[in-house]
Amino acid sequence: MPSVEETATGRPAVVDRVNVALIAEAVDALGKLQERTGLKKVDLVNRALLVYEFVDAELRAGKQVLLRDPDGQDQLVKIFL
C-alpha cells in the first residue's frame, strides 16, 4: 500500500485514484451525507473507507459495536462484513 504523503497544507496528497460505480442506495447515502456535512464526495468516500477498515479490524479482533443513546441505553449492532 502506498504511503500517504502530506502537502504543504498538512492535508494528505493524492496517492491513488479509483473510479467506482455506485449502487442507487450508495448514491442516496452519499447525497444525504453531503447535505448534512457539506463535505465533498471524495472526502466522504475517503472517510467511509477509513471507518469501514477500522470497524472490520475491530470485529475481526473479537470486539463488538455498540451504540449509546443520550439516555445511556446501549444497543448492540450486528454488522455483517
Protein backbone atom coordinates (compact mmCIF):
# COMPACT_ATOMS: atom_id res chain seq x y z
CA MET A 1 0.00 0.00 0.00
CA PRO A 2 1.45 3.39 -0.92
CA SER A 3 2.38 5.72 1.90
CA VAL A 4 0.33 8.87 2.40
CA GLU A 5 2.35 11.99 1.77
CA GLU A 6 1.19 15.36 3.00
CA THR A 7 1.05 18.62 1.09
CA ALA A 8 2.29 21.97 2.45
CA THR A 9 -1.17 22.49 3.99
CA GLY A 10 -0.85 19.30 6.02
CA ARG A 11 -3.58 17.55 4.02
CA PRO A 12 -2.86 14.13 2.52
CA ALA A 13 -1.69 14.18 -1.08
CA VAL A 14 -3.48 12.03 -3.63
CA VAL A 15 -1.70 8.69 -3.77
CA ASP A 16 -4.21 6.68 -5.80
CA ARG A 17 -7.25 7.32 -7.96
CA VAL A 18 -10.16 4.90 -8.19
CA ASN A 19 -13.18 5.02 -10.49
CA VAL A 20 -16.18 3.26 -8.95
CA ALA A 21 -19.79 2.64 -9.94
CA LEU A 22 -22.16 3.20 -7.01
CA ILE A 23 -25.44 1.39 -6.46
CA ALA A 24 -28.56 3.52 -6.03
CA GLU A 25 -28.57 3.18 -2.22
CA ALA A 26 -24.95 4.36 -2.03
CA VAL A 27 -25.74 7.37 -4.24
CA ASP A 28 -28.65 8.28 -1.94
CA ALA A 29 -26.48 7.88 1.17
CA LEU A 30 -23.73 9.99 -0.37
CA GLY A 31 -26.22 12.75 -1.21
CA LYS A 32 -27.66 12.74 2.31
CA LEU A 33 -24.19 12.91 3.81
CA GLN A 34 -23.25 15.81 1.54
CA GLU A 35 -26.35 17.72 2.64
CA ARG A 36 -25.71 17.08 6.34
CA THR A 37 -21.96 17.64 6.38
CA GLY A 38 -21.20 19.95 3.47
CA LEU A 39 -18.23 17.73 2.60
CA LYS A 40 -17.16 16.83 -0.92
CA LYS A 41 -17.86 13.35 -2.30
CA VAL A 42 -14.18 12.47 -2.30
CA ASP A 43 -13.85 13.39 1.38
CA LEU A 44 -16.92 11.35 2.30
CA VAL A 45 -15.70 8.30 0.39
CA ASN A 46 -12.25 8.54 2.00
CA ARG A 47 -13.80 8.81 5.47
CA ALA A 48 -16.18 5.93 4.78
CA LEU A 49 -13.30 3.66 3.79
CA LEU A 50 -11.33 4.60 6.91
CA VAL A 51 -14.34 3.87 9.14
CA TYR A 52 -15.04 0.58 7.34
CA GLU A 53 -11.43 -0.56 7.75
CA PHE A 54 -11.45 0.35 11.45
CA VAL A 55 -14.75 -1.46 12.15
CA ASP A 56 -13.64 -4.51 10.16
CA ALA A 57 -10.35 -4.72 12.08
CA GLU A 58 -12.11 -4.37 15.45
CA LEU A 59 -14.74 -7.01 14.63
CA ARG A 60 -12.05 -9.42 13.42
CA ALA A 61 -10.27 -8.84 16.74
CA GLY A 62 -13.39 -10.12 18.51
CA LYS A 63 -14.83 -6.77 19.59
CA GLN A 64 -18.44 -5.62 19.29
CA VAL A 65 -20.04 -2.43 18.02
CA LEU A 66 -22.33 -0.65 20.46
CA LEU A 67 -24.45 2.47 20.05
CA ARG A 68 -25.37 4.52 23.13
CA ASP A 69 -28.28 6.96 23.03
CA PRO A 70 -28.32 10.17 25.08
CA ASP A 71 -30.23 8.39 27.89
CA GLY A 72 -27.41 5.88 28.31
CA GLN A 73 -29.24 2.99 26.67
CA ASP A 74 -26.90 0.67 24.78
CA GLN A 75 -27.81 -1.16 21.61
CA LEU A 76 -25.59 -3.91 20.23
CA VAL A 77 -25.16 -3.51 16.48
CA LYS A 78 -24.89 -6.61 14.33
CA ILE A 79 -22.67 -5.92 11.35
CA PHE A 80 -22.12 -8.49 8.66
CA LEU A 81 -18.93 -7.85 6.70
